[in-house]
Amino acid sequence: MIYPKNKKFAFTIIDDTEGDEVTNTKPVYDFLSSLGFKTTKTVWCLPPKDSFKGLSLSDYHYRQYIKKLQRDGFEIALHNVGSGRFTRQDVLDGLEIFRQFIGKYPEIQINHALNPDNIYWGIKRFFLLKPLWRWDRFKGDNAESIYFWGDYHKKHIKFTRNFTFDSLITTKEDSYMPYREKGKEFANYWFSASNGPDISKFNKLVNQANIDRLILEGGVAIVYTHFAQGFTKGGHLDRTFQKNMTYLARQNGWFVPSGEILNYLLEKRGGEIISSGQKFGLELKWLLDKCACSSADPVKFLTVESIP
């Protein structure tokens, strides 16, 4: 693929907001900015209602931090409006809070864990389980539910993340992204990501050998992670992370936020509706990928909704 400015490959990160404080993520963003990386930061608009921790846009000082990241060129995306049970009115209020403080509605949405307002989550992620969709616990796309906000998701959210893979080259695992799906009227485009959820797995994923392979194949890497999970300790950045990212920054890569990369892929690929066979193949590849990296029951992967 040909990238803007004669770049040889594309790399970005989506940072999940779970556990987020200013103190445990600011050093990461300062470091990334110093290297020339511009990535994507998800946020909550409202405080958590369950056991998950992390600040939201309702906190003044945190909000100022997020707005500074935006001014510095980082993209702000949505990880639902909060963690827990949020009704339709809660979600709509949260979207307005996002628009008020960020200046526009979010372009990217990442479903969060067990939130009942999740859109096409749980078993609805899988074409092969379509006969069971009606019994799914997630109701963000169910117009009869108090958690329904599918119409606003369709109106404002352009890209929604689905699968994650344990390979740095995201486009090698998902060659269709961004794609559309039949029967999902309240969604626009779906995309995949590479799975590096904490500092240990991130370092194993974004190492120099994998970076060299990414460059050689000229692929796209959209890495999904949590900067709040071990990237800093005592205010100091993980050294392996610093080493690998410094090496990556020296390469001829396109280091822009996820939305910019996804819009570029959409322009080049057209955002076609994938067939049922193509979707099944993507699901099977994801399942085999997860089974290869876990000792858990393979069948459980199809029904456990908090998996990446």
Protein backbone atom coordinates (compact mmCIF):
# COMPACT_ATOMS: atom_id res chain seq x y z
CA MET A 1 0.00 0.00 0.00
CA ILE A 2 1.14 3.55 -0.74
CA TYR A 3 1.02 5.87 2.27
CA PRO A 4 1.03 9.68 2.44
CA LYS A 5 4.38 11.49 2.31
CA ASN A 6 6.09 8.38 0.91
CA LYS A 7 5.87 6.56 4.23
CA LYS A 8 6.48 2.81 4.16
CA PHE A 9 4.03 1.66 6.82
CA ALA A 10 1.51 2.99 9.34
CA PHE A 11 1.50 2.69 13.13
CA THR A 12 -0.76 4.03 15.84
CA ILE A 13 -2.12 3.19 19.29
CA ILE A 14 -5.56 3.27 20.89
CA ASP A 15 -5.30 3.80 24.65
CA ASP A 16 -8.19 2.35 26.68
CA THR A 17 -9.26 4.72 29.46
CA GLU A 18 -9.77 2.08 32.18
CA GLY A 19 -7.80 2.99 35.31
CA ASP A 20 -6.77 6.29 33.80
CA GLU A 21 -5.40 9.09 35.96
CA VAL A 22 -3.30 12.06 34.89
CA THR A 23 -0.30 10.80 36.84
CA ASN A 24 -0.17 7.29 35.32
CA THR A 25 -0.56 8.25 31.66
CA LYS A 26 0.85 11.76 31.22
CA PRO A 27 4.48 10.53 31.13
CA VAL A 28 3.52 8.16 28.30
CA TYR A 29 1.93 10.90 26.21
CA ASP A 30 4.79 13.31 26.87
CA PHE A 31 7.20 10.64 25.63
CA LEU A 32 5.14 9.76 22.55
CA SER A 33 4.79 13.42 21.64
CA SER A 34 8.54 13.95 21.94
CA LEU A 35 9.07 11.15 19.40
CA GLY A 36 6.50 12.50 16.94
CA PHE A 37 3.74 9.94 17.54
CA LYS A 38 0.12 11.09 17.46
CA THR A 39 -2.22 8.40 18.74
CA THR A 40 -5.80 7.88 19.96
CA LYS A 41 -7.01 8.30 23.55
CA THR A 42 -10.41 6.95 24.62
CA VAL A 43 -12.37 8.64 27.40
CA TRP A 44 -15.43 8.24 29.57
CA CYS A 45 -17.78 11.21 29.80
CA LEU A 46 -19.36 10.21 33.11
CA PRO A 47 -17.88 8.62 36.28
CA PRO A 48 -17.94 4.80 36.53
CA LYS A 49 -20.96 3.18 38.19
CA ASP A 50 -19.32 -0.19 38.80
CA SER A 51 -16.01 -1.63 39.99
CA PHE A 52 -13.92 -0.19 37.16
CA LYS A 53 -11.75 2.77 38.11
CA GLY A 54 -10.68 5.81 36.13
CA LEU A 55 -11.40 9.50 35.68
CA SER A 56 -13.90 10.97 33.23
CA LEU A 57 -14.62 14.26 31.50
CA SER A 58 -16.73 15.20 34.54
CA ASP A 59 -13.47 15.82 36.44
CA TYR A 60 -12.21 19.35 35.75
CA HIS A 61 -8.47 18.72 36.00
CA TYR A 62 -8.66 15.52 34.00
CA ARG A 63 -10.75 17.29 31.37
CA GLN A 64 -8.09 19.98 31.01
CA TYR A 65 -5.47 17.25 30.54
CA ILE A 66 -7.55 15.60 27.81
CA LYS A 67 -8.11 18.92 26.04
CA LYS A 68 -4.37 19.56 26.07
CA LEU A 69 -3.77 16.15 24.48
CA GLN A 70 -6.26 17.10 21.79
CA ARG A 71 -4.52 20.43 21.17
CA ASP A 72 -1.23 18.55 20.89
CA GLY A 73 -2.63 16.44 18.05
CA PHE A 74 -3.89 13.34 19.83
CA GLU A 75 -7.30 12.00 18.84
CA ILE A 76 -10.03 11.66 21.49
CA ALA A 77 -12.39 8.71 21.10
CA LEU A 78 -15.21 7.13 23.13
CA HIS A 79 -15.15 4.02 25.36
CA ASN A 80 -18.89 4.21 26.03
CA VAL A 81 -19.94 7.24 28.07
CA GLY A 82 -18.91 5.46 31.26
CA SER A 83 -18.46 2.08 32.93
CA GLY A 84 -21.62 0.41 34.19
CA ARG A 85 -25.32 0.71 33.48
CA PHE A 86 -26.15 3.82 31.48
CA THR A 87 -29.63 4.30 30.02
CA ARG A 88 -30.38 5.93 26.69
CA GLN A 89 -30.74 9.34 28.31
CA ASP A 90 -27.44 8.89 30.14
CA VAL A 91 -25.70 8.03 26.88
CA LEU A 92 -27.20 10.99 25.05
CA ASP A 93 -26.16 13.28 27.91
CA GLY A 94 -22.67 11.81 27.77
CA LEU A 95 -22.41 12.39 24.03
CA GLU A 96 -23.31 16.03 24.57
CA ILE A 97 -20.66 16.34 27.27
CA PHE A 98 -18.13 14.92 24.79
CA ARG A 99 -19.22 17.38 22.10
CA GLN A 100 -19.19 20.30 24.52
CA PHE A 101 -15.65 19.74 25.74
CA ILE A 102 -14.00 18.06 22.73
CA GLY A 103 -15.74 20.26 20.17
CA LYS A 104 -17.35 17.48 18.13
CA TYR A 105 -18.93 14.08 18.53
CA PRO A 106 -16.59 11.08 18.70
CA GLU A 107 -15.66 9.41 15.42
CA ILE A 108 -14.50 6.17 17.08
CA GLN A 109 -16.31 4.04 19.69
CA ILE A 110 -14.87 1.06 21.60
CA ASN A 111 -17.40 -1.12 23.44
CA HIS A 112 -16.57 -1.50 27.13
CA ALA A 113 -16.64 -4.81 29.01
CA LEU A 114 -20.15 -5.67 30.28
CA ASN A 115 -21.93 -2.36 29.65
CA PRO A 116 -25.53 -3.16 28.64
CA ASP A 117 -25.47 -0.20 26.23
CA ASN A 118 -22.75 -1.86 24.11
CA ILE A 119 -23.50 -1.94 20.38
CA TYR A 120 -23.56 -5.37 18.65
CA TRP A 121 -21.39 -6.87 21.37
CA GLY A 122 -21.23 -10.32 22.97
CA ILE A 123 -22.59 -13.03 20.69
CA LYS A 124 -23.74 -10.36 18.23
CA ARG A 125 -20.10 -10.01 17.19
CA PHE A 126 -20.32 -13.40 15.51
CA PHE A 127 -22.17 -14.25 12.30
CA LEU A 128 -22.05 -17.94 13.22
CA LEU A 129 -24.12 -17.22 16.36
CA LYS A 130 -26.77 -15.08 14.63
CA PRO A 131 -29.66 -17.40 15.63
CA LEU A 132 -28.88 -16.52 19.28
CA TRP A 133 -28.64 -12.75 18.86
CA ARG A 134 -32.13 -12.12 20.27
CA TRP A 135 -31.03 -13.41 23.69
CA ASP A 136 -27.88 -11.33 23.92
CA ARG A 137 -27.45 -9.26 27.10
CA PHE A 138 -26.19 -6.16 25.26
CA LYS A 139 -28.99 -3.82 24.22
CA GLY A 140 -27.42 -0.69 22.74
CA ASP A 141 -28.75 -1.75 19.32
CA ASN A 142 -32.16 -2.94 20.58
CA ALA A 143 -34.76 -0.22 19.94
CA GLU A 144 -37.05 -1.67 22.63
CA SER A 145 -34.45 -1.38 25.40
CA ILE A 146 -33.83 1.44 27.88
CA TYR A 147 -30.15 1.12 26.87
CA PHE A 148 -30.79 1.75 23.16
CA TRP A 149 -28.74 4.45 21.47
CA GLY A 150 -28.15 2.76 18.12
CA ASP A 151 -29.69 5.64 16.19
CA TYR A 152 -27.16 8.07 17.68
CA HIS A 153 -24.36 5.57 17.21
CA LYS A 154 -25.27 5.41 13.53
CA LYS A 155 -25.53 9.19 13.29
CA HIS A 156 -22.28 10.14 15.03
CA ILE A 157 -19.91 7.16 15.29
CA LYS A 158 -18.07 6.36 12.07
CA PHE A 159 -15.77 3.52 13.22
CA THR A 160 -16.39 0.84 15.86
CA ARG A 161 -13.78 -1.68 16.97
CA ASN A 162 -14.55 -5.38 16.87
CA PHE A 163 -11.78 -8.00 16.97
CA THR A 164 -8.22 -7.82 18.29
CA PHE A 165 -5.40 -10.09 17.12
CA ASP A 166 -2.06 -11.09 18.61
CA SER A 167 -0.10 -9.86 15.59
CA LEU A 168 1.40 -6.41 15.11
CA ILE A 169 0.30 -6.17 11.47
CA THR A 170 -3.42 -5.49 11.92
CA THR A 171 -4.20 -5.36 8.20
CA LYS A 172 -2.63 -8.80 7.70
CA GLU A 173 -5.19 -10.28 10.09
CA ASP A 174 -8.10 -8.15 8.89
CA SER A 175 -7.70 -7.31 5.21
CA TYR A 176 -11.24 -5.88 4.94
CA MET A 177 -11.12 -3.05 7.48
CA PRO A 178 -12.88 -0.73 7.63
CA TYR A 179 -15.86 -2.82 6.56
CA ARG A 180 -19.63 -2.87 6.90
CA GLU A 181 -21.83 -5.77 7.97
CA LYS A 182 -25.25 -6.88 6.80
CA GLY A 183 -27.95 -6.81 9.44
CA LYS A 184 -26.22 -4.22 11.63
CA GLU A 185 -28.24 -1.16 10.69
CA PHE A 186 -27.05 0.97 13.61
CA ALA A 187 -23.34 0.68 12.81
CA ASN A 188 -21.27 2.26 10.08
CA TYR A 189 -17.76 0.79 9.75
CA TRP A 190 -15.95 -1.88 11.75
CA PHE A 191 -12.24 -2.29 12.27
CA SER A 192 -9.82 -4.59 14.09
CA ALA A 193 -6.78 -3.90 16.26
CA SER A 194 -3.61 -5.59 17.48
CA ASN A 195 -3.78 -6.73 21.09
CA GLY A 196 -1.26 -5.32 23.57
CA PRO A 197 -3.45 -4.74 26.64
CA ASP A 198 -0.75 -4.07 29.24
CA ILE A 199 2.94 -3.19 29.33
CA SER A 200 4.13 -6.81 29.24
CA LYS A 201 2.05 -7.81 26.22
CA PHE A 202 2.63 -4.48 24.51
CA ASN A 203 6.40 -4.98 24.72
CA LYS A 204 6.10 -8.50 23.34
CA LEU A 205 3.97 -7.22 20.47
CA VAL A 206 5.86 -4.02 19.63
CA ASN A 207 9.39 -5.39 19.65
CA GLN A 208 12.13 -4.72 17.12
CA ALA A 209 11.66 -8.00 15.23
CA ASN A 210 7.94 -7.35 14.77
CA ILE A 211 8.59 -3.73 13.83
CA ASP A 212 11.03 -4.87 11.13
CA ARG A 213 8.38 -7.28 9.83
CA LEU A 214 5.77 -4.50 9.79
CA ILE A 215 8.15 -2.32 7.74
CA LEU A 216 9.02 -5.15 5.35
CA GLU A 217 5.37 -5.94 4.64
CA GLY A 218 4.30 -2.30 4.52
CA GLY A 219 1.33 -2.96 6.76
CA VAL A 220 -0.85 -1.04 9.20
CA ALA A 221 -0.59 -1.53 12.97
CA ILE A 222 -3.39 -0.24 15.21
CA VAL A 223 -2.36 -1.39 18.68
CA TYR A 224 -4.99 -1.52 21.44
CA THR A 225 -3.65 -1.09 24.96
CA HIS A 226 -4.10 0.44 28.43
CA PHE A 227 -1.42 2.99 29.28
CA ALA A 228 -2.67 2.86 32.88
CA GLN A 229 -1.55 -0.77 33.17
CA GLY A 230 2.14 -0.71 34.00
CA PHE A 231 3.60 1.70 31.45
CA THR A 232 4.78 3.93 34.28
CA LYS A 233 6.02 2.99 37.74
CA GLY A 234 6.89 5.60 40.31
CA GLY A 235 6.52 8.23 37.61
CA HIS A 236 9.12 6.53 35.39
CA LEU A 237 8.46 4.96 32.00
CA ASP A 238 9.15 1.30 31.34
CA ARG A 239 12.62 1.08 29.75
CA THR A 240 11.78 -1.62 27.20
CA PHE A 241 8.83 0.46 26.02
CA GLN A 242 11.11 3.48 25.61
CA LYS A 243 13.68 1.46 23.70
CA ASN A 244 11.20 -0.11 21.26
CA MET A 245 9.27 3.10 20.61
CA THR A 246 12.48 5.05 20.04
CA TYR A 247 13.55 2.43 17.50
CA LEU A 248 10.13 2.62 15.82
CA ALA A 249 10.23 6.43 15.67
CA ARG A 250 13.45 6.30 13.63
CA GLN A 251 11.75 4.34 10.86
CA ASN A 252 9.91 5.83 7.88
CA GLY A 253 6.43 5.32 9.30
CA TRP A 254 3.14 7.20 9.15
CA PHE A 255 2.46 7.95 12.83
CA VAL A 256 -1.00 9.49 12.97
CA PRO A 257 -4.17 8.82 15.02
CA SER A 258 -6.42 5.85 14.28
CA GLY A 259 -9.18 7.93 12.74
CA GLU A 260 -6.83 9.36 10.13
CA ILE A 261 -5.55 5.89 9.23
CA LEU A 262 -9.06 4.40 9.07
CA ASN A 263 -10.34 7.22 6.87
CA TYR A 264 -7.36 6.69 4.57
CA LEU A 265 -8.07 2.95 4.35
CA LEU A 266 -11.73 3.71 3.73
CA GLU A 267 -10.80 5.98 0.83
CA LYS A 268 -8.54 3.31 -0.66
CA ARG A 269 -10.74 0.27 -0.03
CA GLY A 270 -14.25 1.69 -0.25
CA GLY A 271 -15.71 0.27 2.97
CA GLU A 272 -17.53 -2.60 1.31
CA ILE A 273 -20.09 -4.85 2.99
CA ILE A 274 -18.28 -8.10 3.71
CA SER A 275 -19.98 -11.36 2.82
CA SER A 276 -21.11 -13.90 5.39
CA GLY A 277 -18.27 -16.15 4.28
CA GLN A 278 -15.69 -13.39 4.72
CA LYS A 279 -17.06 -12.55 8.16
CA PHE A 280 -17.02 -16.21 9.18
CA GLY A 281 -13.41 -16.46 8.04
CA LEU A 282 -12.50 -13.40 10.12
CA GLU A 283 -14.25 -14.87 13.16
CA LEU A 284 -12.52 -18.21 12.74
CA LYS A 285 -9.13 -16.54 12.41
CA TRP A 286 -9.82 -14.58 15.60
CA LEU A 287 -10.91 -17.72 17.47
CA LEU A 288 -7.83 -19.67 16.42
CA ASP A 289 -5.64 -16.70 17.34
CA LYS A 290 -7.13 -16.56 20.84
CA CYS A 291 -6.99 -20.32 21.36
CA ALA A 292 -3.32 -20.35 20.40
CA CYS A 293 -2.57 -17.80 23.12
CA SER A 294 -4.80 -19.14 25.90
CA SER A 295 -5.47 -22.30 27.83
CA ALA A 296 -9.10 -21.31 28.37
CA ASP A 297 -12.05 -23.25 26.96
CA PRO A 298 -12.27 -22.28 23.23
CA VAL A 299 -16.08 -22.24 23.30
CA LYS A 300 -16.00 -19.69 26.13
CA PHE A 301 -14.42 -17.14 23.80
CA LEU A 302 -17.63 -16.93 21.82
CA THR A 303 -19.76 -15.93 24.80
CA VAL A 304 -17.53 -14.06 27.25
CA GLU A 305 -18.24 -10.41 26.51
CA SER A 306 -15.39 -8.70 28.33
CA ILE A 307 -12.67 -10.21 26.13
CA PRO A 308 -10.77 -7.75 23.89
